[in-house]
C-alpha atoms as a PDB file:
ATOM      1  CA  MET A   1       0.000   0.000   0.000  1.00  0.00           C
ATOM      2  CA  TYR A   2       2.743   2.447   0.915  1.00  0.00           C
ATOM      3  CA  LYS A   3       4.707   1.816  -2.269  1.00  0.00           C
ATOM      4  CA  ASP A   4       1.638   2.546  -4.383  1.00  0.00           C
ATOM      5  CA  MET A   5       0.903   5.695  -2.375  1.00  0.00           C
ATOM      6  CA  VAL A   6       4.409   6.963  -3.139  1.00  0.00           C
ATOM      7  CA  THR A   7       4.112   5.947  -6.793  1.00  0.00           C
ATOM      8  CA  LEU A   8       0.800   7.818  -7.083  1.00  0.00           C
ATOM      9  CA  GLN A   9       2.317  10.875  -5.419  1.00  0.00           C
ATOM     10  CA  THR A  10       5.306  10.744  -7.794  1.00  0.00           C
ATOM     11  CA  MET A  11       3.148  10.237 -10.860  1.00  0.00           C
ATOM     12  CA  ASP A  12       0.967  13.204  -9.917  1.00  0.00           C
ATOM     13  CA  THR A  13       3.967  15.479  -9.405  1.00  0.00           C
ATOM     14  CA  ILE A  14       5.588  14.608 -12.735  1.00  0.00           C
ATOM     15  CA  PHE A  15       2.413  14.601 -14.832  1.00  0.00           C
ATOM     16  CA  TYR A  16       1.437  17.943 -13.325  1.00  0.00           C
ATOM     17  CA  GLU A  17       4.832  19.316 -14.352  1.00  0.00           C
ATOM     18  CA  ALA A  18       4.392  17.810 -17.828  1.00  0.00           C
ATOM     19  CA  GLN A  19       1.164  19.755 -18.243  1.00  0.00           C
ATOM     20  CA  ARG A  20       2.877  22.955 -17.153  1.00  0.00           C
ATOM     21  CA  GLN A  21       5.534  22.271 -19.787  1.00  0.00           C
ATOM     22  CA  GLY A  22       2.839  21.995 -22.452  1.00  0.00           C
ATOM     23  CA  ARG A  23       3.436  18.301 -23.089  1.00  0.00           C
ATOM     24  CA  ILE A  24      -0.139  17.321 -22.113  1.00  0.00           C
ATOM     25  CA  SER A  25      -3.217  19.540 -22.104  1.00  0.00           C
ATOM     26  CA  PHE A  26      -4.724  18.833 -18.668  1.00  0.00           C
ATOM     27  CA  TYR A  27      -4.152  16.968 -15.436  1.00  0.00           C
ATOM     28  CA  VAL A  28      -5.793  16.429 -12.055  1.00  0.00           C
ATOM     29  CA  THR A  29      -3.929  15.206  -8.967  1.00  0.00           C
ATOM     30  CA  ALA A  30      -4.884  13.276  -5.841  1.00  0.00           C
ATOM     31  CA  THR A  31      -2.485  15.255  -3.645  1.00  0.00           C
ATOM     32  CA  GLY A  32      -3.505  14.827  -0.019  1.00  0.00           C
ATOM     33  CA  GLU A  33      -5.909  11.998  -0.854  1.00  0.00           C
ATOM     34  CA  GLU A  34      -3.451   9.171  -1.547  1.00  0.00           C
ATOM     35  CA  ALA A  35      -4.654   7.148   1.452  1.00  0.00           C
ATOM     36  CA  ILE A  36      -8.259   7.161   0.247  1.00  0.00           C
ATOM     37  CA  ASN A  37      -7.145   5.996  -3.193  1.00  0.00           C
ATOM     38  CA  ILE A  38      -4.844   3.151  -2.284  1.00  0.00           C
ATOM     39  CA  ALA A  39      -6.299   1.935   1.011  1.00  0.00           C
ATOM     40  CA  SER A  40      -9.837   1.718  -0.333  1.00  0.00           C
ATOM     41  CA  ALA A  41      -8.615  -0.175  -3.401  1.00  0.00           C
ATOM     42  CA  ALA A  42      -6.701  -2.610  -1.206  1.00  0.00           C
ATOM     43  CA  ALA A  43      -9.896  -3.487   0.673  1.00  0.00           C
ATOM     44  CA  LEU A  44     -11.726  -4.496  -2.519  1.00  0.00           C
ATOM     45  CA  THR A  45     -11.389  -7.423  -4.925  1.00  0.00           C
ATOM     46  CA  ILE A  46     -10.907  -7.201  -8.679  1.00  0.00           C
ATOM     47  CA  ASP A  47     -14.498  -8.432  -9.146  1.00  0.00           C
ATOM     48  CA  ASP A  48     -15.849  -5.293  -7.483  1.00  0.00           C
ATOM     49  CA  LEU A  49     -16.851  -2.676 -10.049  1.00  0.00           C
ATOM     50  CA  VAL A  50     -15.350   0.802  -9.673  1.00  0.00           C
ATOM     51  CA  PHE A  51     -17.235   3.943 -10.730  1.00  0.00           C
ATOM     52  CA  PRO A  52     -14.717   6.755 -10.168  1.00  0.00           C
ATOM     53  CA  GLN A  53     -14.942  10.500 -10.213  1.00  0.00           C
ATOM     54  CA  TYR A  54     -11.596  11.845 -11.512  1.00  0.00           C
ATOM     55  CA  ARG A  55      -9.379  11.826  -8.422  1.00  0.00           C
ATOM     56  CA  GLU A  56      -9.015   8.061  -8.034  1.00  0.00           C
ATOM     57  CA  ALA A  57      -6.133   7.111 -10.325  1.00  0.00           C
ATOM     58  CA  GLY A  58      -4.620   5.278  -7.369  1.00  0.00           C
ATOM     59  CA  VAL A  59      -7.454   2.746  -7.390  1.00  0.00           C
ATOM     60  CA  LEU A  60      -6.579   1.874 -10.966  1.00  0.00           C
ATOM     61  CA  LEU A  61      -2.866   1.835 -10.121  1.00  0.00           C
ATOM     62  CA  TRP A  62      -3.508  -0.671  -7.317  1.00  0.00           C
ATOM     63  CA  ARG A  63      -5.452  -2.889  -9.722  1.00  0.00           C
ATOM     64  CA  GLY A  64      -2.488  -3.206 -12.054  1.00  0.00           C
ATOM     65  CA  PHE A  65      -2.902  -0.414 -14.600  1.00  0.00           C
ATOM     66  CA  THR A  66       0.695   0.355 -15.545  1.00  0.00           C
ATOM     67  CA  LEU A  67       2.470   3.695 -15.526  1.00  0.00           C
ATOM     68  CA  GLN A  68       2.891   3.253 -19.263  1.00  0.00           C
ATOM     69  CA  GLU A  69      -0.871   2.877 -19.681  1.00  0.00           C
ATOM     70  CA  PHE A  70      -1.435   6.041 -17.631  1.00  0.00           C
ATOM     71  CA  ALA A  71       1.016   7.879 -19.867  1.00  0.00           C
ATOM     72  CA  HIS A  72      -0.569   6.591 -23.078  1.00  0.00           C
ATOM     73  CA  GLN A  73      -3.947   7.913 -21.902  1.00  0.00           C
ATOM     74  CA  CYS A  74      -2.659  11.324 -20.876  1.00  0.00           C
ATOM     75  CA  PHE A  75      -0.971  11.754 -24.257  1.00  0.00           C
ATOM     76  CA  GLY A  76      -4.016  10.410 -26.095  1.00  0.00           C
ATOM     77  CA  ASN A  77      -1.942   8.233 -28.397  1.00  0.00           C
ATOM     78  CA  LYS A  78      -2.919   5.144 -30.373  1.00  0.00           C
ATOM     79  CA  TYR A  79      -2.351   2.880 -27.364  1.00  0.00           C
ATOM     80  CA  ASP A  80      -4.796   4.825 -25.192  1.00  0.00           C
ATOM     81  CA  ASN A  81      -7.819   2.682 -24.220  1.00  0.00           C
ATOM     82  CA  GLY A  82     -10.037   5.659 -25.004  1.00  0.00           C
ATOM     83  CA  LYS A  83      -8.499   6.101 -28.468  1.00  0.00           C
ATOM     84  CA  GLY A  84      -7.566   9.694 -27.730  1.00  0.00           C
ATOM     85  CA  ARG A  85     -11.169  10.823 -27.292  1.00  0.00           C
ATOM     86  CA  GLN A  86     -11.058  11.637 -23.604  1.00  0.00           C
ATOM     87  CA  MET A  87      -9.382  14.428 -21.667  1.00  0.00           C
ATOM     88  CA  PRO A  88      -6.093  13.450 -20.003  1.00  0.00           C
ATOM     89  CA  ALA A  89      -6.516  11.736 -16.598  1.00  0.00           C
ATOM     90  CA  HIS A  90      -9.929  10.415 -17.636  1.00  0.00           C
ATOM     91  CA  TYR A  91      -8.967   6.759 -17.433  1.00  0.00           C
ATOM     92  CA  GLY A  92     -10.987   3.635 -18.034  1.00  0.00           C
ATOM     93  CA  SER A  93     -10.150  -0.058 -18.168  1.00  0.00           C
ATOM     94  CA  ASN A  94     -12.543  -2.899 -18.866  1.00  0.00           C
ATOM     95  CA  LYS A  95      -9.835  -5.370 -17.816  1.00  0.00           C
ATOM     96  CA  HIS A  96      -9.638  -3.792 -14.367  1.00  0.00           C
ATOM     97  CA  ASN A  97     -13.399  -3.255 -13.891  1.00  0.00           C
ATOM     98  CA  TYR A  98     -12.792   0.488 -13.761  1.00  0.00           C
ATOM     99  CA  PHE A  99     -15.474   2.446 -15.587  1.00  0.00           C
ATOM    100  CA  THR A 100     -14.306   5.386 -17.647  1.00  0.00           C
ATOM    101  CA  VAL A 101     -14.052   8.729 -15.863  1.00  0.00           C
ATOM    102  CA  ALA A 102     -16.522  11.449 -16.847  1.00  0.00           C
ATOM    103  CA  SER A 103     -16.046  15.086 -15.874  1.00  0.00           C
ATOM    104  CA  THR A 104     -19.766  15.555 -15.308  1.00  0.00           C
ATOM    105  CA  VAL A 105     -20.183  15.739 -11.544  1.00  0.00           C
ATOM    106  CA  ALA A 106     -21.870  12.800  -9.781  1.00  0.00           C
ATOM    107  CA  THR A 107     -23.292  11.051 -12.854  1.00  0.00           C
ATOM    108  CA  GLN A 108     -21.339   7.952 -11.820  1.00  0.00           C
ATOM    109  CA  ILE A 109     -23.314   7.549  -8.572  1.00  0.00           C
ATOM    110  CA  PRO A 110     -26.629   6.332 -10.048  1.00  0.00           C
ATOM    111  CA  HIS A 111     -24.602   4.202 -12.502  1.00  0.00           C
ATOM    112  CA  ALA A 112     -22.939   2.439  -9.574  1.00  0.00           C
ATOM    113  CA  VAL A 113     -26.267   1.866  -7.838  1.00  0.00           C
ATOM    114  CA  GLY A 114     -27.815   0.431 -10.997  1.00  0.00           C
ATOM    115  CA  ALA A 115     -24.842  -1.867 -11.522  1.00  0.00           C
ATOM    116  CA  ALA A 116     -25.090  -3.009  -7.903  1.00  0.00           C
ATOM    117  CA  TYR A 117     -28.744  -3.878  -8.502  1.00  0.00           C
ATOM    118  CA  SER A 118     -27.594  -6.006 -11.432  1.00  0.00           C
ATOM    119  CA  LEU A 119     -25.013  -7.787  -9.256  1.00  0.00           C
ATOM    120  CA  LYS A 120     -27.735  -8.485  -6.706  1.00  0.00           C
ATOM    121  CA  MET A 121     -30.081  -9.972  -9.326  1.00  0.00           C
ATOM    122  CA  ASP A 122     -27.248 -12.137 -10.650  1.00  0.00           C
ATOM    123  CA  GLY A 123     -26.326 -13.340  -7.159  1.00  0.00           C
ATOM    124  CA  ARG A 124     -22.713 -12.267  -7.602  1.00  0.00           C
ATOM    125  CA  ASP A 125     -20.254 -12.270  -4.686  1.00  0.00           C
ATOM    126  CA  ALA A 126     -19.215  -8.688  -5.408  1.00  0.00           C
ATOM    127  CA  CYS A 127     -20.231  -5.077  -4.903  1.00  0.00           C
ATOM    128  CA  THR A 128     -19.821  -1.779  -6.659  1.00  0.00           C
ATOM    129  CA  ILE A 129     -18.056   1.261  -5.270  1.00  0.00           C
ATOM    130  CA  THR A 130     -18.397   4.825  -6.419  1.00  0.00           C
ATOM    131  CA  TYR A 131     -16.255   7.800  -5.473  1.00  0.00           C
ATOM    132  CA  PHE A 132     -17.288  11.446  -5.389  1.00  0.00           C
ATOM    133  CA  GLY A 133     -16.405  14.666  -3.641  1.00  0.00           C
ATOM    134  CA  ASP A 134     -18.417  16.810  -1.251  1.00  0.00           C
ATOM    135  CA  GLY A 135     -19.529  18.811  -4.282  1.00  0.00           C
ATOM    136  CA  GLY A 136     -21.091  15.663  -5.704  1.00  0.00           C
ATOM    137  CA  THR A 137     -23.499  15.521  -2.776  1.00  0.00           C
ATOM    138  CA  SER A 138     -24.909  18.871  -3.894  1.00  0.00           C
ATOM    139  CA  THR A 139     -26.310  17.312  -7.065  1.00  0.00           C
ATOM    140  CA  GLY A 140     -29.653  15.686  -7.705  1.00  0.00           C
ATOM    141  CA  ASP A 141     -27.944  12.503  -8.917  1.00  0.00           C
ATOM    142  CA  PHE A 142     -26.523  11.893  -5.438  1.00  0.00           C
ATOM    143  CA  HIS A 143     -29.905  12.092  -3.740  1.00  0.00           C
ATOM    144  CA  ALA A 144     -31.710  10.007  -6.365  1.00  0.00           C
ATOM    145  CA  ALA A 145     -29.000   7.355  -6.148  1.00  0.00           C
ATOM    146  CA  MET A 146     -29.045   7.266  -2.347  1.00  0.00           C
ATOM    147  CA  ASN A 147     -32.794   6.715  -2.246  1.00  0.00           C
ATOM    148  CA  PHE A 148     -32.690   4.095  -5.005  1.00  0.00           C
ATOM    149  CA  ALA A 149     -29.870   2.237  -3.228  1.00  0.00           C
ATOM    150  CA  ALA A 150     -31.727   2.222   0.082  1.00  0.00           C
ATOM    151  CA  VAL A 151     -35.110   1.164  -1.307  1.00  0.00           C
ATOM    152  CA  MET A 152     -33.722  -1.542  -3.610  1.00  0.00           C
ATOM    153  CA  GLU A 153     -31.201  -2.714  -0.981  1.00  0.00           C
ATOM    154  CA  VAL A 154     -28.233  -3.033  -3.313  1.00  0.00           C
ATOM    155  CA  PRO A 155     -24.574  -3.891  -2.556  1.00  0.00           C
ATOM    156  CA  VAL A 156     -22.920  -0.546  -3.228  1.00  0.00           C
ATOM    157  CA  ILE A 157     -20.297   1.438  -1.318  1.00  0.00           C
ATOM    158  CA  LEU A 158     -20.731   5.184  -1.766  1.00  0.00           C
ATOM    159  CA  LEU A 159     -17.414   6.766  -0.817  1.00  0.00           C
ATOM    160  CA  CYS A 160     -17.448  10.527  -0.424  1.00  0.00           C
ATOM    161  CA  ARG A 161     -14.050  12.199  -0.332  1.00  0.00           C
ATOM    162  CA  ASN A 162     -15.040  15.225   1.727  1.00  0.00           C
ATOM    163  CA  ASN A 163     -11.959  17.331   0.984  1.00  0.00           C
ATOM    164  CA  GLY A 164     -13.550  20.636   1.903  1.00  0.00           C
ATOM    165  CA  TRP A 165     -13.764  22.156  -1.550  1.00  0.00           C
ATOM    166  CA  ALA A 166     -15.904  21.786  -4.690  1.00  0.00           C
ATOM    167  CA  ILE A 167     -13.388  23.579  -6.899  1.00  0.00           C
ATOM    168  CA  SER A 168     -13.585  27.028  -5.209  1.00  0.00           C
ATOM    169  CA  THR A 169     -16.813  26.432  -3.242  1.00  0.00           C
ATOM    170  CA  PRO A 170     -16.207  25.465   0.407  1.00  0.00           C
ATOM    171  CA  VAL A 171     -18.510  23.016   2.177  1.00  0.00           C
ATOM    172  CA  SER A 172     -19.840  25.906   4.294  1.00  0.00           C
ATOM    173  CA  ASP A 173     -21.430  27.300   1.137  1.00  0.00           C
ATOM    174  CA  GLN A 174     -22.892  23.943   0.124  1.00  0.00           C
ATOM    175  CA  PHE A 175     -24.798  22.612   3.115  1.00  0.00           C
ATOM    176  CA  ARG A 176     -25.598  23.190   6.787  1.00  0.00           C
ATOM    177  CA  SER A 177     -25.712  19.526   7.787  1.00  0.00           C
ATOM    178  CA  ASP A 178     -23.060  17.842   9.921  1.00  0.00           C
ATOM    179  CA  GLY A 179     -20.982  16.871   6.920  1.00  0.00           C
ATOM    180  CA  VAL A 180     -22.148  14.151   4.545  1.00  0.00           C
ATOM    181  CA  VAL A 181     -22.528  11.148   6.830  1.00  0.00           C
ATOM    182  CA  VAL A 182     -25.907  12.311   8.150  1.00  0.00           C
ATOM    183  CA  LYS A 183     -27.326  12.415   4.624  1.00  0.00           C
ATOM    184  CA  GLY A 184     -26.915   8.676   4.382  1.00  0.00           C
ATOM    185  CA  GLN A 185     -28.695   8.167   7.678  1.00  0.00           C
ATOM    186  CA  ALA A 186     -31.561  10.338   6.464  1.00  0.00           C
ATOM    187  CA  TYR A 187     -32.077   7.975   3.529  1.00  0.00           C
ATOM    188  CA  GLY A 188     -31.843   4.875   5.703  1.00  0.00           C
ATOM    189  CA  VAL A 189     -28.356   4.013   4.480  1.00  0.00           C
ATOM    190  CA  ARG A 190     -25.766   2.763   6.951  1.00  0.00           C
ATOM    191  CA  SER A 191     -23.075   5.375   7.200  1.00  0.00           C
ATOM    192  CA  ILE A 192     -19.466   5.574   8.383  1.00  0.00           C
ATOM    193  CA  ARG A 193     -17.262   8.617   8.959  1.00  0.00           C
ATOM    194  CA  VAL A 194     -13.527   8.021   8.854  1.00  0.00           C
ATOM    195  CA  ASP A 195     -10.253   9.930   8.859  1.00  0.00           C
ATOM    196  CA  GLY A 196      -9.476   9.900   5.137  1.00  0.00           C
ATOM    197  CA  ASN A 197      -5.808  10.671   5.768  1.00  0.00           C
ATOM    198  CA  ASP A 198      -5.302   7.513   7.852  1.00  0.00           C
ATOM    199  CA  ALA A 199      -4.611   4.651   5.424  1.00  0.00           C
ATOM    200  CA  LEU A 200      -5.349   1.910   7.953  1.00  0.00           C
ATOM    201  CA  ALA A 201      -8.614   3.524   9.021  1.00  0.00           C
ATOM    202  CA  VAL A 202      -9.752   3.840   5.403  1.00  0.00           C
ATOM    203  CA  PHE A 203      -8.840   0.223   4.712  1.00  0.00           C
ATOM    204  CA  SER A 204     -10.775  -0.964   7.767  1.00  0.00           C
ATOM    205  CA  ALA A 205     -13.838   1.110   6.896  1.00  0.00           C
ATOM    206  CA  VAL A 206     -14.004  -0.087   3.281  1.00  0.00           C
ATOM    207  CA  HIS A 207     -13.270  -3.688   4.260  1.00  0.00           C
ATOM    208  CA  PHE A 208     -16.152  -3.595   6.757  1.00  0.00           C
ATOM    209  CA  ALA A 209     -18.453  -1.807   4.315  1.00  0.00           C
ATOM    210  CA  ARG A 210     -17.766  -4.349   1.579  1.00  0.00           C
ATOM    211  CA  LYS A 211     -18.541  -7.259   3.878  1.00  0.00           C
ATOM    212  CA  MET A 212     -21.785  -5.624   4.955  1.00  0.00           C
ATOM    213  CA  ALA A 213     -22.801  -4.649   1.426  1.00  0.00           C
ATOM    214  CA  ILE A 214     -22.393  -8.173   0.054  1.00  0.00           C
ATOM    215  CA  SER A 215     -23.504 -10.332   2.977  1.00  0.00           C
ATOM    216  CA  GLU A 216     -26.561  -8.209   3.811  1.00  0.00           C
ATOM    217  CA  SER A 217     -27.204  -6.663   0.371  1.00  0.00           C
ATOM    218  CA  GLN A 218     -27.178  -3.172   1.816  1.00  0.00           C
ATOM    219  CA  PRO A 219     -25.724   0.122   0.615  1.00  0.00           C
ATOM    220  CA  VAL A 220     -23.096   1.779   2.796  1.00  0.00           C
ATOM    221  CA  LEU A 221     -22.062   5.434   2.702  1.00  0.00           C
ATOM    222  CA  ILE A 222     -18.527   6.311   3.785  1.00  0.00           C
ATOM    223  CA  GLU A 223     -17.547   9.911   4.439  1.00  0.00           C
ATOM    224  CA  ALA A 224     -13.756  10.137   4.350  1.00  0.00           C
ATOM    225  CA  LEU A 225     -12.664  13.444   5.850  1.00  0.00           C
ATOM    226  CA  THR A 226      -9.619  14.799   4.039  1.00  0.00           C
ATOM    227  CA  TYR A 227      -8.253  17.906   2.352  1.00  0.00           C
ATOM    228  CA  ARG A 228      -7.531  18.652  -1.295  1.00  0.00           C
ATOM    229  CA  ALA A 229      -3.916  19.708  -0.862  1.00  0.00           C
ATOM    230  CA  GLY A 230      -3.460  20.442  -4.559  1.00  0.00           C
ATOM    231  CA  HIS A 231      -5.300  22.671  -6.979  1.00  0.00           C
ATOM    232  CA  HIS A 232      -8.614  21.338  -8.269  1.00  0.00           C
ATOM    233  CA  SER A 233      -6.892  20.720 -11.601  1.00  0.00           C
ATOM    234  CA  THR A 234      -4.304  22.352 -13.837  1.00  0.00           C
ATOM    235  CA  SER A 235      -7.068  24.802 -14.830  1.00  0.00           C
ATOM    236  CA  ASP A 236      -7.325  26.090 -11.256  1.00  0.00           C
ATOM    237  CA  ASP A 237      -5.283  28.327  -8.941  1.00  0.00           C
ATOM    238  CA  SER A 238      -6.561  27.613  -5.438  1.00  0.00           C
ATOM    239  CA  SER A 239      -4.401  30.367  -3.899  1.00  0.00           C
ATOM    240  CA  LYS A 240      -7.063  32.766  -5.203  1.00  0.00           C
ATOM    241  CA  TYR A 241      -9.678  31.478  -2.769  1.00  0.00           C
ATOM    242  CA  ARG A 242      -7.879  29.884   0.189  1.00  0.00           C
ATOM    243  CA  PRO A 243      -4.835  30.832   2.269  1.00  0.00           C
ATOM    244  CA  ILE A 244      -1.467  29.400   1.253  1.00  0.00           C
ATOM    245  CA  GLU A 245      -0.779  28.781   4.949  1.00  0.00           C
ATOM    246  CA  GLU A 246      -3.823  26.506   5.147  1.00  0.00           C
ATOM    247  CA  ILE A 247      -2.642  24.429   2.206  1.00  0.00           C
ATOM    248  CA  GLU A 248       0.877  24.121   3.587  1.00  0.00           C
ATOM    249  CA  TRP A 249      -0.371  23.080   7.028  1.00  0.00           C
ATOM    250  CA  TRP A 250      -2.344  20.202   5.554  1.00  0.00           C
ATOM    251  CA  LYS A 251       0.585  19.158   3.369  1.00  0.00           C
ATOM    252  CA  GLU A 252       2.887  19.019   6.387  1.00  0.00           C
ATOM    253  CA  ALA A 253       0.820  18.100   9.432  1.00  0.00           C
ATOM    254  CA  GLN A 254      -1.768  15.826   7.824  1.00  0.00           C
ATOM    255  CA  ASN A 255       0.072  14.379   4.830  1.00  0.00           C
ATOM    256  CA  PRO A 256      -1.364  10.836   4.508  1.00  0.00           C
ATOM    257  CA  VAL A 257       1.796   9.458   2.879  1.00  0.00           C
ATOM    258  CA  ALA A 258       4.046  10.823   5.630  1.00  0.00           C
ATOM    259  CA  ARG A 259       1.655   9.617   8.339  1.00  0.00           C
ATOM    260  CA  PHE A 260       1.643   6.076   6.979  1.00  0.00           C
ATOM    261  CA  ARG A 261       5.440   6.118   6.599  1.00  0.00           C
ATOM    262  CA  LYS A 262       5.911   7.137  10.248  1.00  0.00           C
ATOM    263  CA  TRP A 263       3.695   4.265  11.330  1.00  0.00           C
ATOM    264  CA  LEU A 264       5.636   1.799   9.176  1.00  0.00           C
ATOM    265  CA  GLU A 265       8.930   3.110  10.565  1.00  0.00           C
ATOM    266  CA  GLY A 266       7.552   2.698  14.072  1.00  0.00           C
ATOM    267  CA  GLN A 267       6.819  -0.948  13.307  1.00  0.00           C
ATOM    268  CA  GLY A 268      10.369  -1.409  12.047  1.00  0.00           C
ATOM    269  CA  TRP A 269       9.102  -2.165   8.524  1.00  0.00           C
ATOM    270  CA  TRP A 270      10.562   0.826   6.687  1.00  0.00           C
ATOM    271  CA  ALA A 271      13.848   2.709   6.609  1.00  0.00           C
ATOM    272  CA  PRO A 272      15.225   5.925   5.051  1.00  0.00           C
ATOM    273  CA  THR A 273      17.260   3.891   2.558  1.00  0.00           C
ATOM    274  CA  SER A 274      14.105   2.111   1.402  1.00  0.00           C
ATOM    275  CA  GLU A 275      12.410   5.492   1.017  1.00  0.00           C
ATOM    276  CA  SER A 276      15.073   7.015  -1.205  1.00  0.00           C
ATOM    277  CA  GLU A 277      15.296   3.885  -3.345  1.00  0.00           C
ATOM    278  CA  LEU A 278      11.540   3.743  -3.838  1.00  0.00           C
ATOM    279  CA  ARG A 279      11.197   7.402  -4.783  1.00  0.00           C
ATOM    280  CA  GLU A 280      14.109   7.256  -7.202  1.00  0.00           C
ATOM    281  CA  TYR A 281      12.707   4.133  -8.837  1.00  0.00           C
ATOM    282  CA  ALA A 282       9.198   5.595  -9.114  1.00  0.00           C
ATOM    283  CA  ARG A 283      10.506   8.813 -10.634  1.00  0.00           C
ATOM    284  CA  HIS A 284      12.585   6.911 -13.188  1.00  0.00           C
ATOM    285  CA  GLU A 285       9.622   4.729 -14.202  1.00  0.00           C
ATOM    286  CA  VAL A 286       7.229   7.664 -14.616  1.00  0.00           C
ATOM    287  CA  LEU A 287       9.714   9.714 -16.665  1.00  0.00           C
ATOM    288  CA  GLN A 288      10.454   6.731 -18.881  1.00  0.00           C
ATOM    289  CA  ALA A 289       6.729   6.116 -19.441  1.00  0.00           C
ATOM    290  CA  ILE A 290       6.258   9.735 -20.506  1.00  0.00           C
ATOM    291  CA  GLN A 291       9.204   9.625 -22.895  1.00  0.00           C
ATOM    292  CA  VAL A 292       7.767   6.527 -24.564  1.00  0.00           C
ATOM    293  CA  ALA A 293       4.176   7.777 -24.719  1.00  0.00           C
ATOM    294  CA  GLU A 294       4.887  11.154 -26.282  1.00  0.00           C
ATOM    295  CA  LYS A 295       6.721   9.514 -29.193  1.00  0.00           C
ATOM    296  CA  VAL A 296       3.797   7.241 -30.091  1.00  0.00           C
ATOM    297  CA  ASP A 297       1.555   8.282 -32.980  1.00  0.00           C
ATOM    298  CA  LYS A 298      -1.948   9.586 -32.347  1.00  0.00           C
ATOM    299  CA  PRO A 299      -4.958   7.392 -33.236  1.00  0.00           C
ATOM    300  CA  ASP A 300      -6.068   7.430 -36.860  1.00  0.00           C
ATOM    301  CA  LEU A 301      -8.597  10.140 -37.671  1.00  0.00           C
ATOM    302  CA  ALA A 302     -11.145   7.450 -38.497  1.00  0.00           C
ATOM    303  CA  GLN A 303     -11.326   6.616 -34.765  1.00  0.00           C
ATOM    304  CA  LEU A 304     -13.211   9.872 -34.217  1.00  0.00           C
ATOM    305  CA  PHE A 305     -16.190   8.432 -36.067  1.00  0.00           C
ATOM    306  CA  THR A 306     -16.348   4.812 -34.891  1.00  0.00           C
ATOM    307  CA  ASP A 307     -17.810   2.854 -31.946  1.00  0.00           C
ATOM    308  CA  VAL A 308     -21.181   4.623 -31.860  1.00  0.00           C
ATOM    309  CA  TYR A 309     -23.126   3.574 -34.948  1.00  0.00           C
ATOM    310  CA  ASP A 310     -23.017   0.143 -36.582  1.00  0.00           C
ATOM    311  CA  VAL A 311     -23.428   1.873 -39.941  1.00  0.00           C
ATOM    312  CA  PRO A 312     -22.196   5.511 -39.934  1.00  0.00           C
ATOM    313  CA  PRO A 313     -24.960   7.985 -40.853  1.00  0.00           C
ATOM    314  CA  SER A 314     -24.477  10.371 -43.762  1.00  0.00           C
ATOM    315  CA  ASN A 315     -23.696  13.383 -41.554  1.00  0.00           C
ATOM    316  CA  LEU A 316     -20.745  11.583 -39.952  1.00  0.00           C
ATOM    317  CA  ILE A 317     -19.480  10.435 -43.342  1.00  0.00           C
ATOM    318  CA  ASP A 318     -19.629  14.042 -44.531  1.00  0.00           C
ATOM    319  CA  GLN A 319     -17.823  15.257 -41.409  1.00  0.00           C
ATOM    320  CA  GLU A 320     -15.002  12.757 -41.825  1.00  0.00           C
ATOM    321  CA  LYS A 321     -14.596  13.720 -45.465  1.00  0.00           C
ATOM    322  CA  SER A 322     -14.508  17.413 -44.526  1.00  0.00           C
ATOM    323  CA  LEU A 323     -11.937  16.801 -41.804  1.00  0.00           C
ATOM    324  CA  ARG A 324      -9.617  14.852 -44.088  1.00  0.00           C
ATOM    325  CA  GLU A 325      -9.828  17.593 -46.687  1.00  0.00           C
ATOM    326  CA  SER A 326      -8.913  20.141 -44.006  1.00  0.00           C
ATOM    327  CA  VAL A 327      -5.891  18.088 -42.970  1.00  0.00           C
ATOM    328  CA  GLU A 328      -4.726  17.908 -46.583  1.00  0.00           C
ATOM    329  CA  ARG A 329      -5.078  21.671 -46.998  1.00  0.00           C
ATOM    330  CA  HIS A 330      -3.290  22.482 -43.722  1.00  0.00           C
ATOM    331  CA  PRO A 331      -0.808  19.646 -43.096  1.00  0.00           C
ATOM    332  CA  HIS A 332       1.449  21.879 -40.957  1.00  0.00           C
ATOM    333  CA  GLU A 333      -1.385  22.237 -38.404  1.00  0.00           C
ATOM    334  CA  TYR A 334      -1.600  18.484 -37.821  1.00  0.00           C
ATOM    335  CA  SER A 335       0.938  15.947 -36.627  1.00  0.00           C
ATOM    336  CA  HIS A 336       1.096  12.159 -36.836  1.00  0.00           C
END
């Protein structure tokens, strides 16, 4: 778990820098939320279906998605599972039961509940889990999904990463309730509040929730209290709406990676030499993955028009023809 937390932290740092260098167009980090990512993933099985928001790359990392696959997606090249159609950091992997990220807030929550209903009807020994932020609970989809999950008694874990901010909107401007955990209770859903920066606590909570969800066919809401220590995305500058001192305090005093490392060192299971070796190795692997991915050709233009219709309609045929003509007229504007 700790090695993957460090790898996620390293990947976020380097990919963020790559966006600032203009090598990729967008990125979103999980800075400050590494424990929620990795510890929750460790408490699941590969048969459990994951419906992420966009700050859960660590769940996919834990499941075996390689750094090279992350890089291919962020560069949108021909080896990207999404064929270059998605924004960077919007991962998806059928192999890893990780549904593709969508930027639309909270739409994944009713999807997860519906899929859990399907698992229940099929008698599967598995559950679904969906991740969302505090901002997601301010949408209608959250409330509809909660009620549906409770009434239909489906095996779903609804994990809210309450990190204090919905982009620039603080929780104080979103609701007057005692956080998110009470919203689950109001719908008749069993609810747990946990320190989201404590990896072992998150693991225990998700492990317990999974057992309950499957054995009793009941939804469980988990509110993981944490803090978004990075900007919302590369399109955001959070220093415009919150004090720098606040951000730095959370990065230092409540850093989930550092907290877990101190515990491991206290158990005699980790040493400074192991730390330096791990970080150097992770950095090397991420940089190598980027160097490979940015040299790979982009998907063929035809991929823009496939995978929706069995037989392309005339308007799409016309659009593809028009695009190819544009490329021929302006070859210097297009690469690969």
